[in-house]
Amino acid sequence: MYFCFVKKVTMDVFIRKSERKKAEVLIDFERYLSREIDWNQRLILLFGHRGVGKTTLILQQLKKDTAKSVYVSLDDYYFEEKRLIEVVTELYEKGYRSFYIDEVHRYQHWSKELKNLYDDFSDTKFIVTGSSILEISKGQEDLSRRAVVYQLAGLSFREYLVLEEKKDFPVVGLEEILKNHHQISSDIMDELEWKNQFKNYLNYGYYPFYREGKKVYHQKLQETTNLVIDSDIAPYKELNYSTVRVMKKLLFVISQSVPFIPNVSKLAEKLGVTRNTILKLLDILDKAQLLSLLHASTEGISFLQKPEKIYLQNTNLAHMFAYESQNVGNLRETFFLNQVEVKHQVTAPKYGDFLVDSQYVFEVGGPNKTFKQLQGVPNGYLAIDEIDGGSGNRIPLWLFGFLY
């Protein structure tokens, strides 16, 4: 009798917490992915780096859901002893049919239990998020043919401007930018002065939690980065303390000279580990979205293949690591890669900086950049920083921040 009472109270606590969170979330700004997700699917798996806004996104959808819906976070202490399948079963008996399940990477058997719940409750819907990208990727194997998977990136420059300027700037496709960038940039400039905002975005605009306080943003970003390494990567890959230290040193070494053209043997010698260990750690940091590895091809890539270049995943990380000054060329290339690879395949070309969709070659630089390095290259374009508008195949760099 006592046990039943405790369970009843526990379910009421979940429901009250869900209702409170639903009431508190605002829908004044929605991420790009909210319009792309097919919310009618029965099992939606949403993953992304810590702090990119996954919880807010699903709470906004919860607020719009017409079915009887509930939010459950698996980092709740209740799940130290109880199983998710028990909670869903009890809430189902209370009439709930849409389950918004957050932080699944905190729960050991999440993928197998979701598989069973999906199969056993055919009139339910599960929207699931997780921050440990490595763990979520592993769990997809159990949910194959059931889950529709989406990845949420950090704020684009366009989204940052929507937040800061309170104006609804539209997404602009790559083909449209290539053909009509002069007119597009002119229309946008009628609405805002972009230069200061672009500088601010490169510094602190990628993760939505910058709104909690710009002065402490880099401190929080450093704490988030350490959490990814210590709480997401290390347990999943079963890394010991010394290997975790090597990983952090590797990340710091790369951050001081990105875009980094790797000499893996020298890196291994400097850090006192084997060449294969360096390649494995680089692959892990890339999957965890702390680095972006640029390869000559995306076909059949294994961690044993040395990347052509290594970048930090976004420009905010570059500012976090370089306390006093940042390399302007690095920021430019990092911004371009970070914004374009969300929607397009980016590889290292023979000439130029980036090959996009195996079709367009881009060289990134400042106002004095010429086509010298792209002579004779078909479909060659310059992505130029510090210019308002472009001409011909010279395109303002900031405009590539409107791709999503």
Protein backbone atom coordinates (compact mmCIF):
# COMPACT_ATOMS: atom_id res chain seq x y z
CA MET A 1 0.00 0.00 0.00
CA TYR A 2 2.81 2.39 0.95
CA PHE A 3 4.71 1.48 -2.24
CA CYS A 4 1.70 2.39 -4.42
CA PHE A 5 1.35 5.74 -2.65
CA VAL A 6 5.03 6.56 -3.29
CA LYS A 7 4.66 5.70 -6.95
CA LYS A 8 1.54 7.89 -7.26
CA VAL A 9 3.32 10.85 -5.65
CA THR A 10 6.35 10.30 -7.89
CA MET A 11 4.23 10.42 -11.05
CA ASP A 12 2.54 13.59 -9.81
CA VAL A 13 5.98 15.14 -9.29
CA PHE A 14 6.94 14.32 -12.89
CA ILE A 15 3.70 15.81 -14.18
CA ARG A 16 4.02 19.00 -12.14
CA LYS A 17 7.62 19.48 -13.24
CA SER A 18 6.59 18.98 -16.86
CA GLU A 19 3.74 21.49 -16.60
CA ARG A 20 6.02 24.04 -14.95
CA LYS A 21 8.66 23.72 -17.68
CA LYS A 22 6.01 23.93 -20.40
CA ALA A 23 4.61 27.11 -18.87
CA GLU A 24 8.05 28.72 -18.52
CA VAL A 25 9.39 28.12 -22.04
CA LEU A 26 8.95 30.95 -24.54
CA ILE A 27 8.17 30.57 -28.23
CA ASP A 28 9.39 34.02 -29.27
CA PHE A 29 12.40 32.44 -31.02
CA GLU A 30 12.59 28.97 -32.57
CA ARG A 31 15.62 27.18 -33.95
CA TYR A 32 15.98 26.33 -37.63
CA LEU A 33 15.56 22.61 -36.95
CA SER A 34 12.07 22.99 -35.45
CA ARG A 35 10.76 23.62 -38.98
CA GLU A 36 12.64 20.68 -40.48
CA ILE A 37 11.68 17.94 -38.00
CA ASP A 38 8.76 15.73 -38.96
CA TRP A 39 7.00 15.90 -35.61
CA ASN A 40 4.49 13.23 -36.69
CA GLN A 41 7.11 10.48 -36.49
CA ARG A 42 6.68 8.09 -33.56
CA LEU A 43 10.32 8.08 -32.49
CA ILE A 44 12.47 11.17 -32.98
CA LEU A 45 16.07 11.17 -31.83
CA LEU A 46 17.60 14.64 -31.44
CA PHE A 47 21.24 14.98 -30.53
CA GLY A 48 23.88 17.70 -30.46
CA HIS A 49 26.64 19.27 -28.42
CA ARG A 50 25.92 20.33 -24.85
CA GLY A 51 24.36 23.78 -24.71
CA VAL A 52 23.06 24.11 -28.29
CA GLY A 53 19.40 24.31 -27.16
CA LYS A 54 17.91 20.82 -27.46
CA THR A 55 15.84 21.03 -24.27
CA THR A 56 14.33 24.37 -25.22
CA LEU A 57 13.46 23.06 -28.68
CA ILE A 58 11.53 20.04 -27.40
CA LEU A 59 9.78 22.05 -24.66
CA GLN A 60 8.56 24.48 -27.33
CA GLN A 61 7.14 21.54 -29.27
CA LEU A 62 5.63 20.12 -26.08
CA LYS A 63 3.80 23.41 -25.64
CA LYS A 64 2.27 23.04 -29.13
CA ASP A 65 1.46 19.33 -28.89
CA THR A 66 -2.30 18.71 -28.95
CA ALA A 67 -1.97 15.21 -27.47
CA LYS A 68 -1.68 14.63 -23.73
CA SER A 69 2.07 15.12 -23.38
CA VAL A 70 4.71 15.02 -20.68
CA TYR A 71 8.39 15.99 -20.30
CA VAL A 72 10.76 13.62 -18.47
CA SER A 73 14.47 14.19 -17.85
CA LEU A 74 16.55 11.07 -17.31
CA ASP A 75 19.07 12.90 -15.15
CA ASP A 76 16.44 12.82 -12.39
CA TYR A 77 17.62 10.93 -9.29
CA TYR A 78 14.50 8.77 -9.55
CA PHE A 79 16.15 6.87 -12.40
CA GLU A 80 19.05 5.78 -10.22
CA GLU A 81 16.76 2.95 -9.07
CA LYS A 82 13.68 2.95 -11.31
CA ARG A 83 13.37 2.13 -14.97
CA LEU A 84 12.11 4.36 -17.75
CA ILE A 85 9.75 1.67 -18.93
CA GLU A 86 7.95 1.76 -15.54
CA VAL A 87 7.50 5.52 -15.66
CA VAL A 88 6.16 5.49 -19.22
CA THR A 89 3.78 2.64 -18.39
CA GLU A 90 2.30 4.51 -15.42
CA LEU A 91 2.00 7.77 -17.31
CA TYR A 92 0.42 5.89 -20.23
CA GLU A 93 -2.23 4.57 -17.84
CA LYS A 94 -2.95 8.20 -16.92
CA GLY A 95 -3.64 8.97 -20.59
CA TYR A 96 -0.30 10.37 -21.74
CA ARG A 97 0.59 9.59 -25.35
CA SER A 98 3.48 11.95 -26.22
CA PHE A 99 6.69 11.57 -24.21
CA TYR A 100 9.44 14.19 -24.42
CA ILE A 101 12.46 12.43 -22.93
CA ASP A 102 15.55 14.53 -22.22
CA GLU A 103 19.18 13.63 -21.38
CA VAL A 104 18.93 9.97 -22.42
CA HIS A 105 22.70 9.54 -22.35
CA ARG A 106 22.41 9.65 -18.54
CA TYR A 107 20.47 6.38 -18.57
CA GLN A 108 22.36 3.17 -19.19
CA HIS A 109 19.82 1.10 -21.14
CA TRP A 110 17.98 3.94 -22.89
CA SER A 111 18.13 2.60 -26.44
CA LYS A 112 16.92 -0.93 -25.64
CA GLU A 113 14.08 0.34 -23.45
CA LEU A 114 12.99 2.85 -26.10
CA LYS A 115 12.95 0.03 -28.64
CA ASN A 116 10.65 -2.00 -26.37
CA LEU A 117 8.43 1.00 -25.61
CA TYR A 118 8.14 1.81 -29.32
CA ASP A 119 7.10 -1.77 -30.10
CA ASP A 120 4.77 -2.23 -27.09
CA PHE A 121 2.89 1.09 -27.17
CA SER A 122 1.86 1.58 -30.78
CA ASP A 123 -0.25 4.70 -30.16
CA THR A 124 2.52 6.69 -28.48
CA LYS A 125 5.17 9.13 -29.66
CA PHE A 126 8.67 9.59 -28.21
CA ILE A 127 10.83 12.68 -28.77
CA VAL A 128 14.25 11.98 -27.31
CA THR A 129 17.34 14.15 -26.78
CA GLY A 130 20.88 13.51 -25.67
CA SER A 131 24.09 15.51 -25.36
CA SER A 132 26.67 12.74 -25.43
CA ILE A 133 26.98 12.45 -29.19
CA LEU A 134 29.20 9.38 -28.93
CA GLU A 135 26.73 7.51 -26.71
CA ILE A 136 23.73 8.54 -28.81
CA SER A 137 25.45 7.35 -31.99
CA LYS A 138 26.07 3.97 -30.38
CA GLY A 139 22.43 3.69 -29.29
CA GLN A 140 21.15 4.27 -32.82
CA GLU A 141 22.06 0.66 -33.63
CA ASP A 142 19.29 -0.61 -31.33
CA LEU A 143 16.79 1.83 -32.87
CA SER A 144 17.53 1.25 -36.54
CA ARG A 145 14.42 1.35 -38.76
CA ARG A 146 12.49 2.94 -35.90
CA ALA A 147 14.07 6.30 -35.06
CA VAL A 148 14.27 9.38 -37.26
CA VAL A 149 17.52 11.10 -36.31
CA TYR A 150 18.28 14.82 -36.31
CA GLN A 151 21.31 16.78 -35.21
CA LEU A 152 21.03 20.30 -33.82
CA ALA A 153 23.93 22.65 -34.56
CA GLY A 154 24.75 25.79 -32.61
CA LEU A 155 23.31 29.15 -33.60
CA SER A 156 24.02 30.28 -37.13
CA PHE A 157 24.97 33.90 -37.66
CA ARG A 158 21.45 34.41 -39.04
CA GLU A 159 19.83 32.99 -35.89
CA TYR A 160 22.09 35.11 -33.70
CA LEU A 161 20.93 38.19 -35.61
CA VAL A 162 17.28 37.18 -35.19
CA LEU A 163 17.87 37.08 -31.43
CA GLU A 164 19.84 40.30 -31.24
CA GLU A 165 18.00 42.42 -33.82
CA LYS A 166 14.50 41.03 -33.20
CA LYS A 167 14.00 40.68 -36.96
CA ASP A 168 13.09 37.57 -38.92
CA PHE A 169 15.92 37.15 -41.42
CA PRO A 170 15.19 34.28 -43.84
CA VAL A 171 17.40 31.28 -44.55
CA VAL A 172 19.26 31.63 -47.85
CA GLY A 173 20.34 28.52 -49.81
CA LEU A 174 23.87 28.08 -51.14
CA GLU A 175 22.82 28.17 -54.80
CA GLU A 176 20.93 31.39 -54.17
CA ILE A 177 23.96 32.95 -52.49
CA LEU A 178 26.21 32.01 -55.41
CA LYS A 179 23.82 33.50 -57.98
CA ASN A 180 22.31 36.49 -56.19
CA HIS A 181 24.65 37.39 -53.32
CA HIS A 182 24.93 41.03 -54.38
CA GLN A 183 21.18 41.64 -54.09
CA ILE A 184 20.77 39.46 -51.01
CA SER A 185 23.55 41.22 -49.07
CA SER A 186 22.15 44.61 -50.11
CA ASP A 187 18.67 43.70 -48.82
CA ILE A 188 20.10 42.48 -45.50
CA MET A 189 22.24 45.58 -45.06
CA ASP A 190 19.11 47.72 -45.40
CA GLU A 191 17.98 46.06 -42.14
CA LEU A 192 21.14 46.14 -40.03
CA GLU A 193 24.78 47.08 -39.52
CA TRP A 194 26.40 43.67 -39.63
CA LYS A 195 30.08 44.32 -38.81
CA ASN A 196 29.92 44.66 -35.02
CA GLN A 197 27.37 41.87 -34.77
CA PHE A 198 29.60 39.58 -36.83
CA LYS A 199 32.56 40.28 -34.56
CA ASN A 200 30.42 39.56 -31.50
CA TYR A 201 29.04 36.36 -33.01
CA LEU A 202 32.53 35.00 -33.68
CA ASN A 203 33.36 35.68 -30.04
CA TYR A 204 30.30 34.46 -28.15
CA GLY A 205 27.28 33.85 -30.41
CA TYR A 206 27.38 30.13 -31.26
CA TYR A 207 25.84 28.62 -28.11
CA PRO A 208 22.46 30.03 -26.99
CA PHE A 209 23.55 30.16 -23.35
CA TYR A 210 25.49 33.36 -24.16
CA ARG A 211 22.19 35.07 -23.27
CA GLU A 212 22.70 34.07 -19.65
CA GLY A 213 25.67 36.46 -19.39
CA LYS A 214 28.31 37.47 -21.91
CA LYS A 215 30.93 38.22 -19.25
CA VAL A 216 30.95 34.65 -17.97
CA TYR A 217 30.30 33.01 -21.33
CA HIS A 218 33.84 31.78 -22.00
CA GLN A 219 34.11 30.42 -18.47
CA LYS A 220 30.89 28.45 -18.98
CA LEU A 221 32.11 27.30 -22.39
CA GLN A 222 35.32 26.01 -20.83
CA GLU A 223 33.32 24.15 -18.19
CA THR A 224 31.11 22.67 -20.93
CA THR A 225 34.17 21.56 -22.92
CA ASN A 226 35.63 19.84 -19.86
CA LEU A 227 32.28 18.14 -19.23
CA VAL A 228 32.24 16.77 -22.77
CA ILE A 229 35.70 15.29 -22.30
CA ASP A 230 35.34 14.07 -18.70
CA SER A 231 31.67 12.99 -18.65
CA ASP A 232 30.87 12.12 -22.27
CA ILE A 233 34.04 10.96 -23.97
CA ALA A 234 36.04 9.36 -21.15
CA PRO A 235 33.35 6.95 -19.80
CA TYR A 236 32.11 6.00 -23.26
CA LYS A 237 35.59 5.22 -24.61
CA GLU A 238 36.78 3.87 -21.23
CA LEU A 239 39.76 6.23 -21.28
CA ASN A 240 42.08 6.30 -18.29
CA TYR A 241 43.21 9.49 -16.58
CA SER A 242 46.50 9.76 -18.46
CA THR A 243 44.79 9.41 -21.86
CA VAL A 244 42.25 12.08 -20.92
CA ARG A 245 45.14 14.40 -20.03
CA VAL A 246 46.76 13.69 -23.40
CA MET A 247 43.46 14.50 -25.13
CA LYS A 248 43.22 17.86 -23.36
CA LYS A 249 46.84 18.68 -24.21
CA LEU A 250 46.21 17.71 -27.82
CA LEU A 251 43.19 19.98 -27.98
CA PHE A 252 45.20 22.87 -26.56
CA VAL A 253 48.15 22.34 -28.92
CA ILE A 254 45.84 22.32 -31.92
CA SER A 255 43.96 25.40 -30.69
CA GLN A 256 47.17 27.44 -30.72
CA SER A 257 47.84 26.93 -34.42
CA VAL A 258 44.60 26.17 -36.21
CA PRO A 259 43.89 25.67 -39.06
CA PHE A 260 46.32 22.94 -38.13
CA ILE A 261 48.07 20.95 -40.85
CA PRO A 262 48.91 17.86 -38.83
CA ASN A 263 52.25 16.17 -38.56
CA VAL A 264 50.97 13.20 -36.61
CA SER A 265 54.38 11.70 -35.85
CA LYS A 266 55.64 14.96 -34.35
CA LEU A 267 52.43 15.35 -32.35
CA ALA A 268 52.79 11.82 -31.01
CA GLU A 269 56.42 12.46 -30.03
CA LYS A 270 55.53 15.75 -28.34
CA LEU A 271 52.71 14.19 -26.30
CA GLY A 272 54.51 10.91 -25.58
CA VAL A 273 52.01 8.55 -27.23
CA THR A 274 51.79 6.46 -30.39
CA ARG A 275 50.80 7.77 -33.79
CA ASN A 276 47.63 5.65 -33.81
CA THR A 277 46.65 7.05 -30.40
CA ILE A 278 46.82 10.59 -31.80
CA LEU A 279 44.70 9.62 -34.80
CA LYS A 280 42.17 7.88 -32.55
CA LEU A 281 41.92 10.90 -30.21
CA LEU A 282 41.49 13.26 -33.17
CA ASP A 283 38.64 11.10 -34.45
CA ILE A 284 36.95 11.11 -31.03
CA LEU A 285 37.26 14.90 -30.66
CA ASP A 286 35.77 15.30 -34.13
CA LYS A 287 32.79 13.05 -33.32
CA ALA A 288 32.31 14.94 -30.03
CA GLN A 289 32.17 18.20 -32.02
CA LEU A 290 35.15 19.85 -30.40
CA LEU A 291 37.21 19.64 -33.60
CA SER A 292 36.39 19.55 -37.30
CA LEU A 293 38.65 17.32 -39.36
CA LEU A 294 38.89 18.23 -43.03
CA HIS A 295 39.62 15.25 -45.29
CA ALA A 296 40.24 15.06 -49.01
CA SER A 297 37.22 12.77 -49.31
CA THR A 298 34.31 11.63 -47.15
CA GLU A 299 34.23 8.15 -48.68
CA GLY A 300 35.41 5.29 -46.50
CA ILE A 301 37.06 7.49 -43.87
CA SER A 302 38.60 5.67 -40.89
CA PHE A 303 40.38 7.18 -37.93
CA LEU A 304 43.70 5.87 -39.29
CA GLN A 305 43.53 8.32 -42.21
CA LYS A 306 45.28 11.58 -41.43
CA PRO A 307 43.11 14.67 -42.05
CA GLU A 308 44.36 17.38 -44.39
CA LYS A 309 43.56 20.15 -41.89
CA ILE A 310 42.21 20.40 -38.35
CA TYR A 311 39.93 23.18 -37.12
CA LEU A 312 38.26 23.92 -33.83
CA GLN A 313 34.57 23.18 -34.29
CA ASN A 314 33.47 26.83 -34.00
CA THR A 315 34.97 30.28 -33.58
CA ASN A 316 33.79 30.66 -29.97
CA LEU A 317 36.15 27.82 -29.00
CA ALA A 318 38.98 29.68 -30.74
CA HIS A 319 38.26 32.76 -28.63
CA MET A 320 38.05 30.64 -25.48
CA PHE A 321 41.49 29.08 -26.04
CA ALA A 322 43.24 32.24 -27.32
CA TYR A 323 42.80 34.55 -24.36
CA GLU A 324 44.61 37.58 -25.80
CA SER A 325 44.50 37.42 -29.58
CA GLN A 326 43.09 35.24 -32.33
CA ASN A 327 44.43 34.50 -35.77
CA VAL A 328 42.11 36.32 -38.17
CA GLY A 329 42.68 33.84 -41.00
CA ASN A 330 41.82 30.96 -38.66
CA LEU A 331 38.57 32.62 -37.53
CA ARG A 332 37.53 33.22 -41.13
CA GLU A 333 38.11 29.63 -42.24
CA THR A 334 36.60 28.18 -39.07
CA PHE A 335 33.45 30.28 -39.52
CA PHE A 336 33.05 29.22 -43.16
CA LEU A 337 33.50 25.50 -42.43
CA ASN A 338 31.30 25.59 -39.33
CA GLN A 339 28.37 27.27 -41.10
CA VAL A 340 28.55 25.45 -44.43
CA GLU A 341 29.02 21.88 -43.18
CA VAL A 342 25.64 21.90 -41.39
CA LYS A 343 23.87 21.56 -44.74
CA HIS A 344 26.64 20.59 -47.16
CA GLN A 345 29.53 18.19 -47.62
CA VAL A 346 32.87 19.97 -47.23
CA THR A 347 36.23 18.44 -48.17
CA ALA A 348 39.79 19.58 -48.87
CA PRO A 349 40.41 20.43 -52.56
CA LYS A 350 43.68 20.27 -54.48
CA TYR A 351 43.56 24.04 -54.91
CA GLY A 352 41.80 26.51 -52.61
CA ASP A 353 40.58 26.09 -49.03
CA PHE A 354 37.31 24.16 -49.30
CA LEU A 355 35.45 21.99 -51.79
CA VAL A 356 31.68 22.05 -51.20
CA ASP A 357 29.43 19.24 -52.46
CA SER A 358 32.26 18.06 -54.77
CA GLN A 359 31.36 21.01 -57.01
CA TYR A 360 32.29 24.46 -55.68
CA VAL A 361 35.78 25.53 -54.63
CA PHE A 362 36.17 28.33 -52.09
CA GLU A 363 39.14 30.40 -51.02
CA VAL A 364 38.58 32.35 -47.81
CA GLY A 365 40.39 35.60 -47.06
CA GLY A 366 40.41 39.34 -46.44
CA PRO A 367 39.50 42.26 -48.74
CA ASN A 368 42.77 42.03 -50.72
CA LYS A 369 42.38 38.33 -51.54
CA THR A 370 42.65 37.66 -55.29
CA PHE A 371 41.81 34.73 -57.56
CA LYS A 372 45.49 33.88 -57.99
CA GLN A 373 45.20 30.55 -56.16
CA LEU A 374 42.04 29.64 -58.06
CA GLN A 375 43.26 30.38 -61.59
CA GLY A 376 41.95 27.74 -63.96
CA VAL A 377 39.71 26.22 -61.26
CA PRO A 378 36.10 25.84 -62.46
CA ASN A 379 33.36 27.02 -60.10
CA GLY A 380 35.89 28.92 -57.98
CA TYR A 381 34.65 31.51 -55.48
CA LEU A 382 36.17 33.86 -52.93
CA ALA A 383 34.53 34.19 -49.51
CA ILE A 384 35.77 37.63 -48.46
CA ASP A 385 35.75 39.07 -44.96
CA GLU A 386 35.30 42.77 -44.10
CA ILE A 387 33.25 43.65 -47.19
CA ASP A 388 29.58 44.66 -47.26
CA GLY A 389 28.68 43.30 -50.67
CA GLY A 390 30.41 41.33 -53.38
CA SER A 391 30.63 41.18 -57.14
CA GLY A 392 30.94 38.31 -59.57
CA ASN A 393 32.46 35.37 -57.72
CA ARG A 394 33.56 37.52 -54.74
CA ILE A 395 31.04 36.86 -51.96
CA PRO A 396 30.87 38.44 -48.48
CA LEU A 397 31.99 35.87 -45.91
CA TRP A 398 29.29 36.84 -43.40
CA LEU A 399 26.57 35.86 -45.87
CA PHE A 400 27.44 32.16 -45.45
CA GLY A 401 26.03 32.52 -41.95
CA PHE A 402 22.52 32.58 -43.45
CA LEU A 403 22.54 28.97 -44.71
CA TYR A 404 20.46 27.69 -41.77
